[in-house]
């Protein structure tokens, strides 16, 4: 169990009305007392207001926990889904809070609803808005995600074909990525079998009023979906800002190389190339993208569009 995984486990053991000793926390987590002391110190430094008294143990402050909130089953499942996404994309105290909240809600769900929440974690892609950089594709992604949650049949028309067979009805079981290509996976009514439809070959995609039930056999392993391979982005930052560059929590810095002329060569791993664009654009001319080429071209186009807005003198009308 990593430190980031122990934080929510520690929070689940603590309460505002009772003290919990380090020895009891160590026993519950299967670690040493020294590890508990280190974790608690790190949690406090991260901003979690734990209270500790020598000889008594630790507890949460009275105002740390909210009053009881009644949730519907659907609300709880959506919070589990959102908590899983937050735990992957934030760090520190909020990552621990997201995981702790996810575990708490899972514990009160029935086995069937817990399995549904786990299945959705593996089949509903929670990706940033405009991940494809194409409004049509992003719109289709939203409709697929809606259909997966509501378990409703999709009416799909494939591109470059006037054949009636290109118009299909599909019960979506999942939305998966293979390399750089996304596929809608589900039961094709016209084929009477599971089909894989490439997103880029889909012309139109609409929700219908028909519903279905996802087969129990289609789901994710008990330990959750496997992480997809991340994509590499390499950027050179000017020497003037090299010491100030901080990588956002949702990205992973895999390499930092200080060049002889003072510049910084930074390599980061991201789930989707376009999610790194706002951060890179915020550095302006101080950041120069080496790869991938598609991201270079996208950032260049965005920079030109911004520059075009300032070619003429501004007026109150625009």
Protein backbone atom coordinates (compact mmCIF):
# COMPACT_ATOMS: atom_id res chain seq x y z
CA UNK A 1 0.00 0.00 0.00
CA UNK A 2 1.48 3.33 -1.09
CA UNK A 3 1.40 6.47 1.11
CA UNK A 4 -1.31 8.01 -1.09
CA UNK A 5 -3.41 4.88 -0.60
CA UNK A 6 -2.87 4.88 3.19
CA UNK A 7 -4.14 8.44 3.67
CA UNK A 8 -7.81 7.60 2.91
CA UNK A 9 -7.43 4.39 4.92
CA UNK A 10 -6.28 6.45 7.93
CA UNK A 11 -9.16 8.91 7.50
CA UNK A 12 -11.64 6.02 7.46
CA UNK A 13 -10.32 4.87 10.84
CA UNK A 14 -10.69 8.26 12.55
CA UNK A 15 -13.73 9.95 14.06
CA UNK A 16 -14.37 13.27 15.88
CA UNK A 17 -15.74 11.65 19.03
CA UNK A 18 -13.02 9.08 19.78
CA UNK A 19 -9.24 8.87 19.87
CA UNK A 20 -7.43 6.22 17.83
CA UNK A 21 -3.91 5.23 18.82
CA UNK A 22 -1.05 4.91 16.35
CA UNK A 23 -0.63 1.25 17.33
CA UNK A 24 -4.27 0.58 16.41
CA UNK A 25 -3.90 2.41 13.10
CA UNK A 26 -0.74 0.43 12.35
CA UNK A 27 -2.52 -2.84 13.09
CA UNK A 28 -5.52 -1.91 10.91
CA UNK A 29 -3.34 -0.87 7.97
CA UNK A 30 -0.75 -3.62 8.36
CA UNK A 31 2.19 -1.20 8.68
CA UNK A 32 4.59 -0.09 11.42
CA UNK A 33 3.85 2.63 13.94
CA UNK A 34 6.71 4.65 12.49
CA UNK A 35 4.97 4.57 9.10
CA UNK A 36 1.77 5.84 10.74
CA UNK A 37 3.68 8.73 12.38
CA UNK A 38 5.23 9.67 9.02
CA UNK A 39 1.89 9.50 7.22
CA UNK A 40 0.09 11.59 9.84
CA UNK A 41 2.85 14.22 9.71
CA UNK A 42 2.60 14.35 5.91
CA UNK A 43 -1.20 14.64 6.09
CA UNK A 44 -0.98 17.56 8.53
CA UNK A 45 1.59 19.29 6.32
CA UNK A 46 -0.78 18.81 3.35
CA UNK A 47 -3.53 20.66 5.23
CA UNK A 48 -5.61 17.87 6.78
CA UNK A 49 -6.45 19.17 10.30
CA UNK A 50 -5.81 16.00 12.32
CA UNK A 51 -5.69 16.38 16.10
CA UNK A 52 -3.10 14.42 18.07
CA UNK A 53 -2.46 14.02 21.80
CA UNK A 54 0.45 11.93 23.16
CA UNK A 55 -0.85 8.83 24.90
CA UNK A 56 -4.36 9.21 23.46
CA UNK A 57 -3.89 9.09 19.69
CA UNK A 58 -5.50 10.95 16.81
CA UNK A 59 -8.93 12.15 15.85
CA UNK A 60 -10.70 14.46 13.41
CA UNK A 61 -11.92 17.90 14.55
CA UNK A 62 -15.61 18.24 15.35
CA UNK A 63 -16.35 20.39 12.30
CA UNK A 64 -14.42 18.20 9.85
CA UNK A 65 -17.38 15.91 9.05
CA UNK A 66 -20.55 17.28 7.47
CA UNK A 67 -23.99 16.57 8.82
CA UNK A 68 -25.58 13.35 7.48
CA UNK A 69 -26.76 13.67 3.88
CA UNK A 70 -29.38 11.42 2.33
CA UNK A 71 -28.52 10.28 -1.18
CA UNK A 72 -30.45 8.30 -3.74
CA UNK A 73 -28.74 5.22 -5.13
CA UNK A 74 -28.13 6.96 -8.46
CA UNK A 75 -26.60 9.97 -6.67
CA UNK A 76 -24.29 7.69 -4.70
CA UNK A 77 -23.18 5.81 -7.82
CA UNK A 78 -22.38 9.09 -9.59
CA UNK A 79 -20.36 10.27 -6.60
CA UNK A 80 -18.37 7.01 -6.64
CA UNK A 81 -17.72 7.56 -10.34
CA UNK A 82 -16.67 11.18 -9.80
CA UNK A 83 -14.53 10.25 -6.80
CA UNK A 84 -12.61 7.70 -8.86
CA UNK A 85 -11.90 10.33 -11.50
CA UNK A 86 -10.83 12.93 -8.92
CA UNK A 87 -8.51 10.43 -7.22
CA UNK A 88 -6.69 9.95 -10.55
CA UNK A 89 -6.35 13.61 -11.40
CA UNK A 90 -5.60 15.48 -8.16
CA UNK A 91 -2.96 15.03 -5.50
CA UNK A 92 -2.31 15.40 -1.80
CA UNK A 93 -5.15 15.93 0.65
CA UNK A 94 -7.82 16.06 -2.04
CA UNK A 95 -6.73 12.78 -3.58
CA UNK A 96 -6.99 11.20 -0.14
CA UNK A 97 -10.39 12.83 0.39
CA UNK A 98 -11.66 11.57 -2.98
CA UNK A 99 -10.59 8.00 -2.25
CA UNK A 100 -11.97 8.09 1.29
CA UNK A 101 -15.33 9.41 0.04
CA UNK A 102 -15.41 6.74 -2.65
CA UNK A 103 -14.77 3.96 -0.11
CA UNK A 104 -17.39 5.30 2.32
CA UNK A 105 -20.10 5.41 -0.33
CA UNK A 106 -19.19 1.99 -1.71
CA UNK A 107 -19.59 0.49 1.76
CA UNK A 108 -23.25 1.54 2.04
CA UNK A 109 -24.23 0.43 -1.46
CA UNK A 110 -25.80 -2.96 -2.01
CA UNK A 111 -23.57 -5.55 -3.71
CA UNK A 112 -25.52 -5.09 -6.95
CA UNK A 113 -25.21 -1.30 -6.92
CA UNK A 114 -21.54 -1.52 -5.92
CA UNK A 115 -20.94 -3.77 -8.92
CA UNK A 116 -22.79 -1.29 -11.15
CA UNK A 117 -20.59 1.55 -9.89
CA UNK A 118 -17.46 -0.52 -10.55
CA UNK A 119 -18.71 -1.44 -14.02
CA UNK A 120 -19.31 2.22 -14.87
CA UNK A 121 -15.78 3.11 -13.75
CA UNK A 122 -14.48 0.78 -16.44
CA UNK A 123 -16.96 1.62 -19.22
CA UNK A 124 -17.75 5.34 -18.89
CA UNK A 125 -14.74 7.44 -19.99
CA UNK A 126 -14.31 10.43 -17.70
CA UNK A 127 -12.09 12.64 -19.82
CA UNK A 128 -11.60 16.41 -19.90
CA UNK A 129 -13.94 18.57 -22.05
CA UNK A 130 -12.80 19.04 -25.65
CA UNK A 131 -10.38 16.16 -25.30
CA UNK A 132 -10.49 15.48 -29.04
CA UNK A 133 -10.13 19.13 -30.05
CA UNK A 134 -13.09 18.56 -32.39
CA UNK A 135 -16.60 19.69 -31.40
CA UNK A 136 -18.32 16.93 -33.40
CA UNK A 137 -16.26 14.16 -31.79
CA UNK A 138 -16.64 15.71 -28.33
CA UNK A 139 -20.41 15.82 -28.84
CA UNK A 140 -20.49 12.15 -29.79
CA UNK A 141 -18.40 11.35 -26.70
CA UNK A 142 -20.99 13.07 -24.47
CA UNK A 143 -23.84 11.13 -26.07
CA UNK A 144 -22.00 7.81 -25.72
CA UNK A 145 -21.28 8.57 -22.06
CA UNK A 146 -24.96 9.43 -21.47
CA UNK A 147 -26.07 6.18 -23.14
CA UNK A 148 -23.64 4.13 -21.03
CA UNK A 149 -24.97 5.60 -17.78
CA UNK A 150 -28.65 5.42 -18.75
CA UNK A 151 -28.26 2.09 -20.60
CA UNK A 152 -30.15 3.32 -23.64
CA UNK A 153 -29.77 2.15 -27.23
CA UNK A 154 -27.91 4.31 -29.74
CA UNK A 155 -28.90 4.96 -33.36
CA UNK A 156 -25.64 5.15 -35.32
CA UNK A 157 -24.92 6.09 -38.93
CA UNK A 158 -21.52 5.21 -40.35
CA UNK A 159 -19.60 7.50 -42.72
CA UNK A 160 -19.01 7.07 -46.45
CA UNK A 161 -21.87 4.70 -47.12
CA UNK A 162 -25.41 5.02 -48.45
CA UNK A 163 -26.11 1.39 -47.59
CA UNK A 164 -29.01 0.94 -45.17
CA UNK A 165 -26.85 -1.52 -43.23
CA UNK A 166 -24.64 1.42 -42.30
CA UNK A 167 -27.48 2.70 -40.10
CA UNK A 168 -27.28 0.63 -36.94
CA UNK A 169 -28.83 0.26 -33.50
CA UNK A 170 -26.28 -0.50 -30.80
CA UNK A 171 -26.57 -1.22 -27.07
CA UNK A 172 -23.32 0.35 -25.79
CA UNK A 173 -21.41 -1.75 -23.25
CA UNK A 174 -18.30 0.42 -23.15
CA UNK A 175 -16.19 3.11 -24.79
CA UNK A 176 -12.56 2.08 -25.05
CA UNK A 177 -9.32 3.35 -26.53
CA UNK A 178 -6.88 1.21 -28.50
CA UNK A 179 -3.76 3.25 -29.17
CA UNK A 180 -5.08 6.59 -30.42
CA UNK A 181 -8.40 5.21 -31.68
CA UNK A 182 -11.65 5.18 -29.70
CA UNK A 183 -14.26 2.44 -30.16
CA UNK A 184 -17.88 2.12 -29.11
CA UNK A 185 -18.24 -1.49 -27.96
CA UNK A 186 -21.71 -2.99 -27.69
CA UNK A 187 -24.39 -5.33 -29.00
CA UNK A 188 -25.20 -4.61 -32.65
CA UNK A 189 -28.86 -5.41 -33.34
CA UNK A 190 -28.24 -5.83 -37.07
CA UNK A 191 -25.29 -8.21 -36.56
CA UNK A 192 -26.71 -10.03 -33.52
CA UNK A 193 -23.30 -9.90 -31.85
CA UNK A 194 -20.90 -7.56 -30.06
CA UNK A 195 -19.42 -4.99 -32.44
CA UNK A 196 -16.60 -2.42 -32.27
CA UNK A 197 -17.38 0.88 -34.02
CA UNK A 198 -14.51 3.34 -34.54
CA UNK A 199 -15.50 6.83 -33.41
CA UNK A 200 -13.89 8.49 -36.45
CA UNK A 201 -16.05 6.39 -38.80
CA UNK A 202 -19.31 7.38 -37.05
CA UNK A 203 -21.19 10.12 -38.92
CA UNK A 204 -24.19 10.58 -36.60
CA UNK A 205 -24.95 9.15 -33.19
CA UNK A 206 -28.25 9.72 -31.38
CA UNK A 207 -29.92 8.47 -28.20
CA UNK A 208 -33.15 6.47 -28.52
CA UNK A 209 -35.97 5.75 -26.07
CA UNK A 210 -35.14 2.03 -26.04
CA UNK A 211 -33.25 0.70 -23.02
CA UNK A 212 -31.23 -2.44 -22.37
CA UNK A 213 -29.44 -4.19 -19.51
CA UNK A 214 -25.67 -4.54 -19.71
CA UNK A 215 -24.70 -8.25 -19.38
CA UNK A 216 -23.16 -9.10 -15.99
CA UNK A 217 -20.27 -10.72 -17.86
CA UNK A 218 -19.28 -7.36 -19.33
CA UNK A 219 -17.51 -5.42 -16.64
CA UNK A 220 -14.16 -4.74 -15.08
CA UNK A 221 -11.89 -6.82 -12.86
CA UNK A 222 -12.54 -6.61 -9.13
CA UNK A 223 -9.52 -4.35 -8.70
CA UNK A 224 -10.86 -1.84 -11.23
CA UNK A 225 -9.92 -0.97 -14.80
CA UNK A 226 -6.30 -1.03 -15.83
CA UNK A 227 -4.67 2.33 -16.45
CA UNK A 228 -4.33 3.21 -20.11
CA UNK A 229 -0.87 4.05 -21.44
CA UNK A 230 -0.09 7.75 -21.16
CA UNK A 231 1.19 9.90 -24.00
CA UNK A 232 4.51 11.75 -23.99
CA UNK A 233 4.82 15.52 -24.41
CA UNK A 234 8.31 17.12 -24.59
CA UNK A 235 8.68 20.87 -24.01
CA UNK A 236 11.65 23.22 -23.73
CA UNK A 237 11.21 26.15 -21.33
CA UNK A 238 13.33 29.31 -21.63
CA UNK A 239 16.05 29.83 -19.04
CA UNK A 240 14.23 32.87 -17.58
CA UNK A 241 11.39 30.70 -16.33
CA UNK A 242 13.10 27.30 -15.92
CA UNK A 243 13.25 27.55 -12.12
CA UNK A 244 9.54 28.45 -11.90
CA UNK A 245 8.08 25.58 -13.91
CA UNK A 246 5.76 23.42 -11.81
CA UNK A 247 3.90 20.47 -13.34
CA UNK A 248 0.13 20.32 -12.55
CA UNK A 249 -0.99 17.32 -10.43
CA UNK A 250 -2.93 15.74 -13.31
CA UNK A 251 0.27 15.37 -15.37
CA UNK A 252 3.30 13.22 -14.60
CA UNK A 253 6.78 14.68 -15.05
CA UNK A 254 8.86 11.74 -16.29
CA UNK A 255 12.03 13.71 -16.98
CA UNK A 256 13.53 17.13 -16.13
CA UNK A 257 16.80 17.96 -17.88
CA UNK A 258 18.57 21.29 -17.39
CA UNK A 259 20.39 22.16 -20.60
CA UNK A 260 23.81 23.82 -20.75
CA UNK A 261 22.32 27.19 -21.77
CA UNK A 262 19.98 27.27 -18.76
CA UNK A 263 16.85 26.04 -20.54
CA UNK A 264 14.71 23.23 -19.12
CA UNK A 265 13.78 20.18 -21.19
CA UNK A 266 10.68 18.74 -19.58
CA UNK A 267 8.96 15.48 -20.50
CA UNK A 268 5.45 14.91 -19.14
CA UNK A 269 3.02 12.02 -19.51
CA UNK A 270 -0.66 12.85 -20.05
CA UNK A 271 -3.78 10.85 -20.80
CA UNK A 272 -4.80 13.15 -23.64
CA UNK A 273 -2.58 15.60 -25.50
CA UNK A 274 -5.11 18.42 -25.65
CA UNK A 275 -5.56 18.56 -21.87
CA UNK A 276 -2.06 20.03 -21.56
CA UNK A 277 -2.81 22.92 -23.95
CA UNK A 278 -4.10 25.53 -21.43
CA UNK A 279 -1.03 25.01 -19.24
CA UNK A 280 1.39 25.33 -22.18
CA UNK A 281 -0.40 28.39 -23.58
CA UNK A 282 -0.14 30.08 -20.17
CA UNK A 283 3.66 30.12 -20.62
CA UNK A 284 3.42 31.94 -23.96
CA UNK A 285 6.69 32.19 -25.91
CA UNK A 286 8.65 30.79 -22.96
CA UNK A 287 7.47 27.24 -23.84
CA UNK A 288 8.47 25.51 -27.08
CA UNK A 289 6.85 22.13 -27.82
CA UNK A 290 9.14 19.54 -29.37
CA UNK A 291 6.61 16.74 -29.67
CA UNK A 292 4.06 15.52 -30.54
CA UNK A 293 3.69 17.37 -33.81
CA UNK A 294 -0.12 17.43 -33.65
CA UNK A 295 0.04 19.31 -30.36
CA UNK A 296 2.61 21.77 -31.77
CA UNK A 297 0.26 22.55 -34.65
CA UNK A 298 -2.76 22.88 -32.38
CA UNK A 299 -1.02 25.30 -30.02
CA UNK A 300 0.34 27.32 -32.96
CA UNK A 301 -3.16 27.62 -34.45
CA UNK A 302 -4.56 28.74 -31.10
CA UNK A 303 -1.79 31.34 -30.70
CA UNK A 304 -2.47 32.71 -34.21
CA UNK A 305 -6.18 32.96 -33.41
CA UNK A 306 -5.39 34.96 -30.28
CA UNK A 307 -3.03 37.26 -32.19
CA UNK A 308 -5.67 37.87 -34.87
CA UNK A 309 -7.99 39.32 -32.24
CA UNK A 310 -5.54 42.15 -31.58
CA UNK A 311 -4.69 43.15 -35.16
CA UNK A 312 -7.23 45.98 -35.14
CA UNK A 313 -7.90 48.63 -32.47
CA UNK A 314 -10.43 47.42 -29.88
CA UNK A 315 -13.90 48.93 -29.73
CA UNK A 316 -16.81 48.61 -27.35
CA UNK A 317 -18.48 46.34 -29.88
CA UNK A 318 -15.71 43.75 -29.96
